[in-house]
């Protein structure tokens, strides 16, 4: 039993093989990203400017692509997508009633009424 718990020291050839295998696996998982943009799923919190700061008062041209991206991220899901993206969005996605509610028909329209007890 003592022979199992003691490990033999690795020779340099085996150590090099293990290192090469580890580096190869890490390189397979890595991707180089060169284009960065704002995450449209997170809201952007703006910070107010200082009124007397000269560099904040310089007029810069507005980036239309960036503004459209920010406005699109702030939209509700029904305006962003044509169909629900998750199972939980399917509940209530079509919020329009299937039949028109006629408020004069007493059989289908039962509003809450005030009584002496609930006043």
PDB file of N, CA and C in Angstrom:
ATOM      1  N   UNK A   1       0.809  -1.190   0.000  1.00  0.00           N
ATOM      2  CA  UNK A   1       0.000   0.000   0.000  1.00  0.00           C
ATOM      3  C   UNK A   1       0.853   1.254   0.000  1.00  0.00           C
ATOM      4  N   UNK A   2       2.032   1.130   0.570  1.00  0.00           N
ATOM      5  CA  UNK A   2       2.939   2.263   0.575  1.00  0.00           C
ATOM      6  C   UNK A   2       3.455   2.560  -0.822  1.00  0.00           C
ATOM      7  N   UNK A   3       3.490   1.556  -1.686  1.00  0.00           N
ATOM      8  CA  UNK A   3       3.987   1.760  -3.040  1.00  0.00           C
ATOM      9  C   UNK A   3       3.026   2.597  -3.874  1.00  0.00           C
ATOM     10  N   UNK A   4       1.717   2.513  -3.576  1.00  0.00           N
ATOM     11  CA  UNK A   4       0.735   3.295  -4.335  1.00  0.00           C
ATOM     12  C   UNK A   4       0.786   4.777  -3.982  1.00  0.00           C
ATOM     13  N   UNK A   5       0.986   5.103  -2.731  1.00  0.00           N
ATOM     14  CA  UNK A   5       0.950   6.497  -2.317  1.00  0.00           C
ATOM     15  C   UNK A   5       2.191   7.255  -2.748  1.00  0.00           C
ATOM     16  N   UNK A   6       3.298   6.563  -2.948  1.00  0.00           N
ATOM     17  CA  UNK A   6       4.525   7.228  -3.388  1.00  0.00           C
ATOM     18  C   UNK A   6       4.522   7.297  -4.912  1.00  0.00           C
ATOM     19  N   UNK A   7       4.712   8.491  -5.453  1.00  0.00           N
ATOM     20  CA  UNK A   7       4.763   8.661  -6.897  1.00  0.00           C
ATOM     21  C   UNK A   7       6.209   8.755  -7.340  1.00  0.00           C
ATOM     22  N   UNK A   8       6.460   8.209  -8.488  1.00  0.00           N
ATOM     23  CA  UNK A   8       7.793   8.293  -9.042  1.00  0.00           C
ATOM     24  C   UNK A   8       7.993   9.695  -9.610  1.00  0.00           C
ATOM     25  N   UNK A   9       9.172  10.256  -9.453  1.00  0.00           N
ATOM     26  CA  UNK A   9       9.416  11.582 -10.048  1.00  0.00           C
ATOM     27  C   UNK A   9       9.395  11.471 -11.571  1.00  0.00           C
ATOM     28  N   UNK A  10       8.787  12.499 -12.208  1.00  0.00           N
ATOM     29  CA  UNK A  10       8.679  12.486 -13.662  1.00  0.00           C
ATOM     30  C   UNK A  10      10.017  12.825 -14.288  1.00  0.00           C
ATOM     31  N   UNK A  11      10.354  12.119 -15.336  1.00  0.00           N
ATOM     32  CA  UNK A  11      11.591  12.436 -16.040  1.00  0.00           C
ATOM     33  C   UNK A  11      11.355  13.655 -16.935  1.00  0.00           C
ATOM     34  N   UNK A  12      12.405  14.323 -17.372  1.00  0.00           N
ATOM     35  CA  UNK A  12      12.244  15.560 -18.160  1.00  0.00           C
ATOM     36  C   UNK A  12      11.485  15.345 -19.473  1.00  0.00           C
ATOM     37  N   UNK A  13      11.595  14.197 -20.091  1.00  0.00           N
ATOM     38  CA  UNK A  13      10.880  13.943 -21.346  1.00  0.00           C
ATOM     39  C   UNK A  13       9.375  13.908 -21.091  1.00  0.00           C
ATOM     40  N   UNK A  14       8.967  13.237 -20.036  1.00  0.00           N
ATOM     41  CA  UNK A  14       7.535  13.145 -19.693  1.00  0.00           C
ATOM     42  C   UNK A  14       6.995  14.515 -19.287  1.00  0.00           C
ATOM     43  N   UNK A  15       7.779  15.276 -18.538  1.00  0.00           N
ATOM     44  CA  UNK A  15       7.350  16.618 -18.152  1.00  0.00           C
ATOM     45  C   UNK A  15       7.155  17.494 -19.390  1.00  0.00           C
ATOM     46  N   UNK A  16       8.044  17.380 -20.368  1.00  0.00           N
ATOM     47  CA  UNK A  16       7.923  18.161 -21.598  1.00  0.00           C
ATOM     48  C   UNK A  16       6.680  17.742 -22.389  1.00  0.00           C
ATOM     49  N   UNK A  17       6.374  16.447 -22.419  1.00  0.00           N
ATOM     50  CA  UNK A  17       5.169  15.973 -23.101  1.00  0.00           C
ATOM     51  C   UNK A  17       3.909  16.543 -22.445  1.00  0.00           C
ATOM     52  N   UNK A  18       3.871  16.522 -21.123  1.00  0.00           N
ATOM     53  CA  UNK A  18       2.711  17.060 -20.403  1.00  0.00           C
ATOM     54  C   UNK A  18       2.564  18.563 -20.650  1.00  0.00           C
ATOM     55  N   UNK A  19       3.675  19.271 -20.647  1.00  0.00           N
ATOM     56  CA  UNK A  19       3.626  20.712 -20.884  1.00  0.00           C
ATOM     57  C   UNK A  19       3.149  21.013 -22.303  1.00  0.00           C
ATOM     58  N   UNK A  20       3.656  20.269 -23.293  1.00  0.00           N
ATOM     59  CA  UNK A  20       3.225  20.479 -24.678  1.00  0.00           C
ATOM     60  C   UNK A  20       1.736  20.198 -24.851  1.00  0.00           C
ATOM     61  N   UNK A  21       1.259  19.147 -24.212  1.00  0.00           N
ATOM     62  CA  UNK A  21      -0.163  18.818 -24.293  1.00  0.00           C
ATOM     63  C   UNK A  21      -1.018  19.915 -23.670  1.00  0.00           C
ATOM     64  N   UNK A  22      -0.572  20.445 -22.543  1.00  0.00           N
ATOM     65  CA  UNK A  22      -1.336  21.499 -21.862  1.00  0.00           C
ATOM     66  C   UNK A  22      -1.369  22.766 -22.711  1.00  0.00           C
ATOM     67  N   UNK A  23      -0.233  23.141 -23.291  1.00  0.00           N
ATOM     68  CA  UNK A  23      -0.178  24.341 -24.129  1.00  0.00           C
ATOM     69  C   UNK A  23      -1.065  24.170 -25.355  1.00  0.00           C
ATOM     70  N   UNK A  24      -1.047  22.981 -25.980  1.00  0.00           N
ATOM     71  CA  UNK A  24      -1.878  22.722 -27.153  1.00  0.00           C
ATOM     72  C   UNK A  24      -3.365  22.849 -26.809  1.00  0.00           C
ATOM     73  N   UNK A  25      -3.768  22.325 -25.657  1.00  0.00           N
ATOM     74  CA  UNK A  25      -5.179  22.429 -25.252  1.00  0.00           C
ATOM     75  C   UNK A  25      -5.563  23.873 -24.950  1.00  0.00           C
ATOM     76  N   UNK A  26      -4.670  24.634 -24.341  1.00  0.00           N
ATOM     77  CA  UNK A  26      -4.975  26.034 -24.050  1.00  0.00           C
ATOM     78  C   UNK A  26      -5.095  26.849 -25.336  1.00  0.00           C
ATOM     79  N   UNK A  27      -4.238  26.576 -26.311  1.00  0.00           N
ATOM     80  CA  UNK A  27      -4.300  27.315 -27.570  1.00  0.00           C
ATOM     81  C   UNK A  27      -5.563  26.995 -28.353  1.00  0.00           C
ATOM     82  N   UNK A  28      -6.099  25.792 -28.198  1.00  0.00           N
ATOM     83  CA  UNK A  28      -7.350  25.444 -28.872  1.00  0.00           C
ATOM     84  C   UNK A  28      -8.523  26.236 -28.319  1.00  0.00           C
ATOM     85  N   UNK A  29      -8.483  26.587 -27.050  1.00  0.00           N
ATOM     86  CA  UNK A  29      -9.605  27.276 -26.405  1.00  0.00           C
ATOM     87  C   UNK A  29      -9.509  28.789 -26.518  1.00  0.00           C
ATOM     88  N   UNK A  30      -8.350  29.318 -26.848  1.00  0.00           N
ATOM     89  CA  UNK A  30      -8.180  30.766 -26.879  1.00  0.00           C
ATOM     90  C   UNK A  30      -8.593  31.324 -28.225  1.00  0.00           C
ATOM     91  N   UNK A  31      -9.217  32.522 -28.175  1.00  0.00           N
ATOM     92  CA  UNK A  31      -9.569  33.249 -29.381  1.00  0.00           C
ATOM     93  C   UNK A  31      -9.085  34.683 -29.229  1.00  0.00           C
ATOM     94  N   UNK A  32      -8.561  35.247 -30.276  1.00  0.00           N
ATOM     95  CA  UNK A  32      -8.092  36.617 -30.246  1.00  0.00           C
ATOM     96  C   UNK A  32      -9.220  37.530 -30.711  1.00  0.00           C
ATOM     97  N   UNK A  33      -9.641  38.428 -29.851  1.00  0.00           N
ATOM     98  CA  UNK A  33     -10.701  39.379 -30.179  1.00  0.00           C
ATOM     99  C   UNK A  33     -10.051  40.710 -30.547  1.00  0.00           C
ATOM    100  N   UNK A  34     -10.407  41.232 -31.708  1.00  0.00           N
ATOM    101  CA  UNK A  34      -9.851  42.506 -32.148  1.00  0.00           C
ATOM    102  C   UNK A  34     -10.908  43.592 -32.280  1.00  0.00           C
ATOM    103  N   UNK A  35     -12.174  43.233 -32.363  1.00  0.00           N
ATOM    104  CA  UNK A  35     -13.247  44.228 -32.470  1.00  0.00           C
ATOM    105  C   UNK A  35     -14.021  44.245 -31.159  1.00  0.00           C
ATOM    106  N   UNK A  36     -14.109  45.417 -30.559  1.00  0.00           N
ATOM    107  CA  UNK A  36     -14.796  45.567 -29.295  1.00  0.00           C
ATOM    108  C   UNK A  36     -15.981  46.509 -29.479  1.00  0.00           C
ATOM    109  N   UNK A  37     -17.050  46.247 -28.745  1.00  0.00           N
ATOM    110  CA  UNK A  37     -18.214  47.124 -28.800  1.00  0.00           C
ATOM    111  C   UNK A  37     -18.917  47.068 -27.453  1.00  0.00           C
ATOM    112  N   UNK A  38     -19.941  47.879 -27.317  1.00  0.00           N
ATOM    113  CA  UNK A  38     -20.708  47.939 -26.084  1.00  0.00           C
ATOM    114  C   UNK A  38     -21.625  46.730 -26.025  1.00  0.00           C
ATOM    115  N   UNK A  39     -21.747  46.142 -24.853  1.00  0.00           N
ATOM    116  CA  UNK A  39     -22.647  45.013 -24.680  1.00  0.00           C
ATOM    117  C   UNK A  39     -24.083  45.534 -24.709  1.00  0.00           C
ATOM    118  N   UNK A  40     -24.884  45.143 -25.685  1.00  0.00           N
ATOM    119  CA  UNK A  40     -26.245  45.686 -25.775  1.00  0.00           C
ATOM    120  C   UNK A  40     -27.194  45.130 -24.726  1.00  0.00           C
ATOM    121  N   UNK A  41     -26.770  44.133 -23.966  1.00  0.00           N
ATOM    122  CA  UNK A  41     -27.654  43.538 -22.965  1.00  0.00           C
ATOM    123  C   UNK A  41     -27.596  44.269 -21.630  1.00  0.00           C
ATOM    124  N   UNK A  42     -26.609  45.109 -21.428  1.00  0.00           N
ATOM    125  CA  UNK A  42     -26.483  45.843 -20.168  1.00  0.00           C
ATOM    126  C   UNK A  42     -26.807  47.307 -20.392  1.00  0.00           C
ATOM    127  N   UNK A  43     -27.498  47.877 -19.438  1.00  0.00           N
ATOM    128  CA  UNK A  43     -27.816  49.297 -19.523  1.00  0.00           C
ATOM    129  C   UNK A  43     -26.561  50.117 -19.228  1.00  0.00           C
ATOM    130  N   UNK A  44     -26.442  51.265 -19.872  1.00  0.00           N
ATOM    131  CA  UNK A  44     -25.300  52.135 -19.676  1.00  0.00           C
ATOM    132  C   UNK A  44     -25.720  53.251 -18.732  1.00  0.00           C
ATOM    133  N   UNK A  45     -24.967  53.425 -17.667  1.00  0.00           N
ATOM    134  CA  UNK A  45     -25.253  54.494 -16.719  1.00  0.00           C
ATOM    135  C   UNK A  45     -24.369  55.690 -17.063  1.00  0.00           C
ATOM    136  N   UNK A  46     -24.992  56.828 -17.273  1.00  0.00           N
ATOM    137  CA  UNK A  46     -24.222  58.011 -17.616  1.00  0.00           C
ATOM    138  C   UNK A  46     -23.890  58.793 -16.358  1.00  0.00           C
ATOM    139  N   UNK A  47     -22.784  59.476 -16.410  1.00  0.00           N
ATOM    140  CA  UNK A  47     -22.340  60.307 -15.295  1.00  0.00           C
ATOM    141  C   UNK A  47     -22.453  61.748 -15.753  1.00  0.00           C
ATOM    142  N   UNK A  48     -23.027  62.583 -14.905  1.00  0.00           N
ATOM    143  CA  UNK A  48     -23.207  63.978 -15.292  1.00  0.00           C
ATOM    144  C   UNK A  48     -21.862  64.677 -15.383  1.00  0.00           C
ATOM    145  N   UNK A  49     -21.810  65.666 -16.233  1.00  0.00           N
ATOM    146  CA  UNK A  49     -20.581  66.408 -16.444  1.00  0.00           C
ATOM    147  C   UNK A  49     -20.411  67.477 -15.386  1.00  0.00           C
ATOM    148  N   UNK A  50     -19.182  67.924 -15.233  1.00  0.00           N
ATOM    149  CA  UNK A  50     -18.914  69.058 -14.342  1.00  0.00           C
ATOM    150  C   UNK A  50     -19.177  70.337 -15.140  1.00  0.00           C
ATOM    151  N   UNK A  51     -19.956  71.262 -14.604  1.00  0.00           N
ATOM    152  CA  UNK A  51     -20.355  72.420 -15.412  1.00  0.00           C
ATOM    153  C   UNK A  51     -19.206  73.352 -15.784  1.00  0.00           C
ATOM    154  N   UNK A  52     -18.164  73.450 -14.969  1.00  0.00           N
ATOM    155  CA  UNK A  52     -17.079  74.387 -15.244  1.00  0.00           C
ATOM    156  C   UNK A  52     -15.883  73.714 -15.908  1.00  0.00           C
ATOM    157  N   UNK A  53     -15.991  72.468 -16.283  1.00  0.00           N
ATOM    158  CA  UNK A  53     -14.872  71.771 -16.898  1.00  0.00           C
ATOM    159  C   UNK A  53     -14.790  72.134 -18.372  1.00  0.00           C
ATOM    160  N   UNK A  54     -13.609  72.525 -18.841  1.00  0.00           N
ATOM    161  CA  UNK A  54     -13.466  72.950 -20.237  1.00  0.00           C
ATOM    162  C   UNK A  54     -13.469  71.761 -21.190  1.00  0.00           C
ATOM    163  N   UNK A  55     -12.912  70.628 -20.770  1.00  0.00           N
ATOM    164  CA  UNK A  55     -12.840  69.504 -21.695  1.00  0.00           C
ATOM    165  C   UNK A  55     -14.168  68.777 -21.832  1.00  0.00           C
ATOM    166  N   UNK A  56     -15.086  68.948 -20.893  1.00  0.00           N
ATOM    167  CA  UNK A  56     -16.406  68.355 -21.042  1.00  0.00           C
ATOM    168  C   UNK A  56     -17.323  69.185 -21.929  1.00  0.00           C
ATOM    169  N   UNK A  57     -16.997  70.439 -22.107  1.00  0.00           N
ATOM    170  CA  UNK A  57     -17.852  71.330 -22.886  1.00  0.00           C
ATOM    171  C   UNK A  57     -17.454  71.401 -24.350  1.00  0.00           C
ATOM    172  N   UNK A  58     -16.470  70.647 -24.764  1.00  0.00           N
ATOM    173  CA  UNK A  58     -16.075  70.615 -26.169  1.00  0.00           C
ATOM    174  C   UNK A  58     -17.121  69.816 -26.944  1.00  0.00           C
ATOM    175  N   UNK A  59     -17.594  70.402 -28.024  1.00  0.00           N
ATOM    176  CA  UNK A  59     -18.611  69.733 -28.833  1.00  0.00           C
ATOM    177  C   UNK A  59     -17.950  68.657 -29.692  1.00  0.00           C
ATOM    178  N   UNK A  60     -18.432  67.451 -29.579  1.00  0.00           N
ATOM    179  CA  UNK A  60     -17.927  66.347 -30.374  1.00  0.00           C
ATOM    180  C   UNK A  60     -19.052  65.827 -31.257  1.00  0.00           C
ATOM    181  N   UNK A  61     -18.720  65.327 -32.436  1.00  0.00           N
ATOM    182  CA  UNK A  61     -19.785  64.783 -33.290  1.00  0.00           C
ATOM    183  C   UNK A  61     -20.366  63.514 -32.671  1.00  0.00           C
ATOM    184  N   UNK A  62     -21.658  63.375 -32.795  1.00  0.00           N
ATOM    185  CA  UNK A  62     -22.335  62.211 -32.230  1.00  0.00           C
ATOM    186  C   UNK A  62     -22.109  61.000 -33.128  1.00  0.00           C
ATOM    187  N   UNK A  63     -21.853  59.877 -32.516  1.00  0.00           N
ATOM    188  CA  UNK A  63     -21.665  58.634 -33.261  1.00  0.00           C
ATOM    189  C   UNK A  63     -23.037  57.975 -33.405  1.00  0.00           C
ATOM    190  N   UNK A  64     -23.587  58.015 -34.612  1.00  0.00           N
ATOM    191  CA  UNK A  64     -24.943  57.507 -34.849  1.00  0.00           C
ATOM    192  C   UNK A  64     -25.037  56.011 -34.605  1.00  0.00           C
ATOM    193  N   UNK A  65     -24.014  55.272 -34.985  1.00  0.00           N
ATOM    194  CA  UNK A  65     -24.037  53.817 -34.789  1.00  0.00           C
ATOM    195  C   UNK A  65     -24.085  53.479 -33.301  1.00  0.00           C
ATOM    196  N   UNK A  66     -23.296  54.203 -32.509  1.00  0.00           N
ATOM    197  CA  UNK A  66     -23.282  53.977 -31.059  1.00  0.00           C
ATOM    198  C   UNK A  66     -24.621  54.362 -30.437  1.00  0.00           C
ATOM    199  N   UNK A  67     -25.192  55.482 -30.855  1.00  0.00           N
ATOM    200  CA  UNK A  67     -26.479  55.913 -30.306  1.00  0.00           C
ATOM    201  C   UNK A  67     -27.586  54.932 -30.653  1.00  0.00           C
ATOM    202  N   UNK A  68     -27.586  54.418 -31.883  1.00  0.00           N
ATOM    203  CA  UNK A  68     -28.592  53.417 -32.258  1.00  0.00           C
ATOM    204  C   UNK A  68     -28.439  52.151 -31.439  1.00  0.00           C
ATOM    205  N   UNK A  69     -27.209  51.759 -31.170  1.00  0.00           N
ATOM    206  CA  UNK A  69     -26.958  50.568 -30.365  1.00  0.00           C
ATOM    207  C   UNK A  69     -27.474  50.754 -28.941  1.00  0.00           C
ATOM    208  N   UNK A  70     -27.242  51.916 -28.366  1.00  0.00           N
ATOM    209  CA  UNK A  70     -27.700  52.194 -27.002  1.00  0.00           C
ATOM    210  C   UNK A  70     -29.219  52.243 -26.956  1.00  0.00           C
ATOM    211  N   UNK A  71     -29.845  52.897 -27.929  1.00  0.00           N
ATOM    212  CA  UNK A  71     -31.311  52.971 -27.941  1.00  0.00           C
ATOM    213  C   UNK A  71     -31.929  51.601 -28.176  1.00  0.00           C
ATOM    214  N   UNK A  72     -31.315  50.789 -29.003  1.00  0.00           N
ATOM    215  CA  UNK A  72     -31.828  49.438 -29.245  1.00  0.00           C
ATOM    216  C   UNK A  72     -31.716  48.577 -27.984  1.00  0.00           C
ATOM    217  N   UNK A  73     -30.647  48.775 -27.212  1.00  0.00           N
ATOM    218  CA  UNK A  73     -30.464  47.993 -25.975  1.00  0.00           C
ATOM    219  C   UNK A  73     -31.502  48.367 -24.924  1.00  0.00           C
ATOM    220  N   UNK A  74     -32.002  49.594 -24.968  1.00  0.00           N
ATOM    221  CA  UNK A  74     -32.964  50.041 -23.964  1.00  0.00           C
ATOM    222  C   UNK A  74     -34.401  49.652 -24.313  1.00  0.00           C
ATOM    223  N   UNK A  75     -34.635  49.132 -25.502  1.00  0.00           N
ATOM    224  CA  UNK A  75     -35.993  48.757 -25.882  1.00  0.00           C
ATOM    225  C   UNK A  75     -36.461  47.525 -25.122  1.00  0.00           C
ATOM    226  N   UNK A  76     -37.766  47.388 -25.028  1.00  0.00           N
ATOM    227  CA  UNK A  76     -38.322  46.191 -24.403  1.00  0.00           C
ATOM    228  C   UNK A  76     -38.254  45.030 -25.398  1.00  0.00           C
ATOM    229  N   UNK A  77     -38.282  43.783 -24.909  1.00  0.00           N
ATOM    230  CA  UNK A  77     -38.076  42.636 -25.796  1.00  0.00           C
ATOM    231  C   UNK A  77     -39.079  42.532 -26.945  1.00  0.00           C
ATOM    232  N   UNK A  78     -40.321  42.933 -26.748  1.00  0.00           N
ATOM    233  CA  UNK A  78     -41.306  42.818 -27.832  1.00  0.00           C
ATOM    234  C   UNK A  78     -40.988  43.759 -28.989  1.00  0.00           C
ATOM    235  N   UNK A  79     -40.283  44.860 -28.706  1.00  0.00           N
ATOM    236  CA  UNK A  79     -39.905  45.785 -29.776  1.00  0.00           C
ATOM    237  C   UNK A  79     -38.567  45.399 -30.400  1.00  0.00           C
ATOM    238  N   UNK A  80     -37.745  44.673 -29.657  1.00  0.00           N
ATOM    239  CA  UNK A  80     -36.446  44.249 -30.184  1.00  0.00           C
ATOM    240  C   UNK A  80     -36.569  43.058 -31.120  1.00  0.00           C
ATOM    241  N   UNK A  81     -37.355  42.077 -30.724  1.00  0.00           N
ATOM    242  CA  UNK A  81     -37.394  40.802 -31.431  1.00  0.00           C
ATOM    243  C   UNK A  81     -38.786  40.552 -32.004  1.00  0.00           C
ATOM    244  N   UNK A  82     -38.854  39.772 -33.066  1.00  0.00           N
ATOM    245  CA  UNK A  82     -40.141  39.460 -33.676  1.00  0.00           C
ATOM    246  C   UNK A  82     -40.821  38.285 -32.978  1.00  0.00           C
ATOM    247  N   UNK A  83     -40.052  37.455 -32.284  1.00  0.00           N
ATOM    248  CA  UNK A  83     -40.605  36.314 -31.555  1.00  0.00           C
ATOM    249  C   UNK A  83     -39.861  36.161 -30.233  1.00  0.00           C
ATOM    250  N   UNK A  84     -40.443  35.469 -29.256  1.00  0.00           N
ATOM    251  CA  UNK A  84     -39.777  35.342 -27.951  1.00  0.00           C
ATOM    252  C   UNK A  84     -38.458  34.583 -28.064  1.00  0.00           C
ATOM    253  N   UNK A  85     -37.465  35.013 -27.280  1.00  0.00           N
ATOM    254  CA  UNK A  85     -36.144  34.408 -27.323  1.00  0.00           C
ATOM    255  C   UNK A  85     -35.987  33.300 -26.284  1.00  0.00           C
ATOM    256  N   UNK A  86     -36.776  33.322 -25.219  1.00  0.00           N
ATOM    257  CA  UNK A  86     -36.686  32.307 -24.171  1.00  0.00           C
ATOM    258  C   UNK A  86     -38.074  31.740 -23.910  1.00  0.00           C
ATOM    259  N   UNK A  87     -38.097  30.652 -23.166  1.00  0.00           N
ATOM    260  CA  UNK A  87     -39.381  30.028 -22.825  1.00  0.00           C
ATOM    261  C   UNK A  87     -40.208  30.940 -21.918  1.00  0.00           C
ATOM    262  N   UNK A  88     -39.553  31.648 -21.009  1.00  0.00           N
ATOM    263  CA  UNK A  88     -40.309  32.497 -20.097  1.00  0.00           C
ATOM    264  C   UNK A  88     -40.886  33.725 -20.800  1.00  0.00           C
ATOM    265  N   UNK A  89     -40.313  34.125 -21.923  1.00  0.00           N
ATOM    266  CA  UNK A  89     -40.876  35.253 -22.662  1.00  0.00           C
ATOM    267  C   UNK A  89     -42.134  34.867 -23.422  1.00  0.00           C
ATOM    268  N   UNK A  90     -42.339  33.578 -23.637  1.00  0.00           N
ATOM    269  CA  UNK A  90     -43.532  33.147 -24.363  1.00  0.00           C
ATOM    270  C   UNK A  90     -44.801  33.446 -23.583  1.00  0.00           C
ATOM    271  N   UNK A  91     -44.695  33.457 -22.258  1.00  0.00           N
ATOM    272  CA  UNK A  91     -45.853  33.785 -21.422  1.00  0.00           C
ATOM    273  C   UNK A  91     -46.071  35.288 -21.510  1.00  0.00           C
ATOM    274  N   UNK A  92     -47.181  35.701 -22.025  1.00  0.00           N
ATOM    275  CA  UNK A  92     -47.512  37.110 -22.131  1.00  0.00           C
ATOM    276  C   UNK A  92     -46.940  37.786 -23.352  1.00  0.00           C
ATOM    277  N   UNK A  93     -46.339  37.053 -24.283  1.00  0.00           N
ATOM    278  CA  UNK A  93     -45.779  37.691 -25.480  1.00  0.00           C
ATOM    279  C   UNK A  93     -46.898  38.291 -26.327  1.00  0.00           C
ATOM    280  N   UNK A  94     -47.980  37.535 -26.525  1.00  0.00           N
ATOM    281  CA  UNK A  94     -49.149  38.057 -27.231  1.00  0.00           C
ATOM    282  C   UNK A  94     -50.146  38.545 -26.191  1.00  0.00           C
ATOM    283  N   UNK A  95     -50.055  39.818 -25.849  1.00  0.00           N
ATOM    284  CA  UNK A  95     -50.872  40.368 -24.774  1.00  0.00           C
ATOM    285  C   UNK A  95     -52.211  40.904 -25.249  1.00  0.00           C
ATOM    286  N   UNK A  96     -52.462  40.879 -26.535  1.00  0.00           N
ATOM    287  CA  UNK A  96     -53.747  41.374 -27.018  1.00  0.00           C
ATOM    288  C   UNK A  96     -54.839  40.356 -26.691  1.00  0.00           C
ATOM    289  N   UNK A  97     -55.996  40.816 -26.244  1.00  0.00           N
ATOM    290  CA  UNK A  97     -57.059  39.868 -25.897  1.00  0.00           C
ATOM    291  C   UNK A  97     -57.604  39.167 -27.145  1.00  0.00           C
ATOM    292  N   UNK A  98     -58.019  37.940 -26.961  1.00  0.00           N
ATOM    293  CA  UNK A  98     -58.533  37.159 -28.094  1.00  0.00           C
ATOM    294  C   UNK A  98     -59.925  37.604 -28.503  1.00  0.00           C
ATOM    295  N   UNK A  99     -60.738  38.039 -27.540  1.00  0.00           N
ATOM    296  CA  UNK A  99     -62.069  38.544 -27.866  1.00  0.00           C
ATOM    297  C   UNK A  99     -62.206  39.947 -27.280  1.00  0.00           C
ATOM    298  N   UNK A 100     -63.047  40.737 -27.911  1.00  0.00           N
ATOM    299  CA  UNK A 100     -63.295  42.085 -27.418  1.00  0.00           C
ATOM    300  C   UNK A 100     -64.180  42.015 -26.169  1.00  0.00           C
ATOM    301  N   UNK A 101     -63.791  42.748 -25.131  1.00  0.00           N
ATOM    302  CA  UNK A 101     -64.565  42.743 -23.885  1.00  0.00           C
ATOM    303  C   UNK A 101     -65.674  43.778 -23.999  1.00  0.00           C
ATOM    304  N   UNK A 102     -66.896  43.310 -23.922  1.00  0.00           N
ATOM    305  CA  UNK A 102     -68.052  44.203 -23.959  1.00  0.00           C
ATOM    306  C   UNK A 102     -68.450  44.494 -22.521  1.00  0.00           C
ATOM    307  N   UNK A 103     -68.238  45.719 -22.089  1.00  0.00           N
ATOM    308  CA  UNK A 103     -68.474  46.073 -20.683  1.00  0.00           C
ATOM    309  C   UNK A 103     -69.968  46.230 -20.359  1.00  0.00           C
ATOM    310  N   UNK A 104     -70.803  46.256 -21.367  1.00  0.00           N
ATOM    311  CA  UNK A 104     -72.227  46.360 -21.105  1.00  0.00           C
ATOM    312  C   UNK A 104     -72.874  44.990 -20.912  1.00  0.00           C
ATOM    313  N   UNK A 105     -72.197  43.935 -21.307  1.00  0.00           N
ATOM    314  CA  UNK A 105     -72.738  42.579 -21.176  1.00  0.00           C
ATOM    315  C   UNK A 105     -72.469  42.081 -19.757  1.00  0.00           C
ATOM    316  N   UNK A 106     -73.500  41.855 -18.970  1.00  0.00           N
ATOM    317  CA  UNK A 106     -73.374  41.449 -17.567  1.00  0.00           C
ATOM    318  C   UNK A 106     -72.919  39.999 -17.422  1.00  0.00           C
ATOM    319  N   UNK A 107     -73.038  39.208 -18.465  1.00  0.00           N
ATOM    320  CA  UNK A 107     -72.641  37.799 -18.361  1.00  0.00           C
ATOM    321  C   UNK A 107     -71.125  37.645 -18.328  1.00  0.00           C
ATOM    322  N   UNK A 108     -70.406  38.487 -19.045  1.00  0.00           N
ATOM    323  CA  UNK A 108     -68.955  38.343 -19.150  1.00  0.00           C
ATOM    324  C   UNK A 108     -68.175  39.367 -18.340  1.00  0.00           C
ATOM    325  N   UNK A 109     -68.783  40.499 -18.039  1.00  0.00           N
ATOM    326  CA  UNK A 109     -68.082  41.566 -17.338  1.00  0.00           C
ATOM    327  C   UNK A 109     -68.593  41.623 -15.894  1.00  0.00           C
ATOM    328  N   UNK A 110     -67.724  41.235 -14.958  1.00  0.00           N
ATOM    329  CA  UNK A 110     -68.092  41.220 -13.544  1.00  0.00           C
ATOM    330  C   UNK A 110     -67.121  42.098 -12.761  1.00  0.00           C
ATOM    331  N   UNK A 111     -67.401  43.402 -12.699  1.00  0.00           N
ATOM    332  CA  UNK A 111     -66.474  44.286 -11.982  1.00  0.00           C
ATOM    333  C   UNK A 111     -66.603  44.106 -10.464  1.00  0.00           C
ATOM    334  N   UNK A 112     -65.619  44.593  -9.764  1.00  0.00           N
ATOM    335  CA  UNK A 112     -65.691  44.549  -8.297  1.00  0.00           C
ATOM    336  C   UNK A 112     -66.733  45.553  -7.828  1.00  0.00           C
ATOM    337  N   UNK A 113     -67.438  45.176  -6.798  1.00  0.00           N
ATOM    338  CA  UNK A 113     -68.477  46.061  -6.275  1.00  0.00           C
ATOM    339  C   UNK A 113     -68.182  46.389  -4.821  1.00  0.00           C
ATOM    340  N   UNK A 114     -68.550  47.581  -4.440  1.00  0.00           N
ATOM    341  CA  UNK A 114     -68.360  47.975  -3.046  1.00  0.00           C
ATOM    342  C   UNK A 114     -69.615  47.614  -2.261  1.00  0.00           C
ATOM    343  N   UNK A 115     -69.390  47.039  -1.112  1.00  0.00           N
ATOM    344  CA  UNK A 115     -70.501  46.744  -0.215  1.00  0.00           C
ATOM    345  C   UNK A 115     -70.262  47.444   1.092  1.00  0.00           C
ATOM    346  N   UNK A 116     -71.154  47.237   2.029  1.00  0.00           N
ATOM    347  CA  UNK A 116     -71.025  47.882   3.335  1.00  0.00           C
ATOM    348  C   UNK A 116     -69.776  47.382   4.070  1.00  0.00           C
ATOM    349  N   UNK A 117     -69.416  46.147   3.869  1.00  0.00           N
ATOM    350  CA  UNK A 117     -68.279  45.556   4.583  1.00  0.00           C
ATOM    351  C   UNK A 117     -66.950  46.053   3.980  1.00  0.00           C
ATOM    352  N   UNK A 118     -66.881  46.198   2.660  1.00  0.00           N
ATOM    353  CA  UNK A 118     -65.608  46.562   2.030  1.00  0.00           C
ATOM    354  C   UNK A 118     -65.368  48.045   1.925  1.00  0.00           C
ATOM    355  N   UNK A 119     -66.289  48.888   2.350  1.00  0.00           N
ATOM    356  CA  UNK A 119     -66.080  50.342   2.278  1.00  0.00           C
ATOM    357  C   UNK A 119     -65.029  50.800   3.224  1.00  0.00           C
TER     358      UNK A 119
END
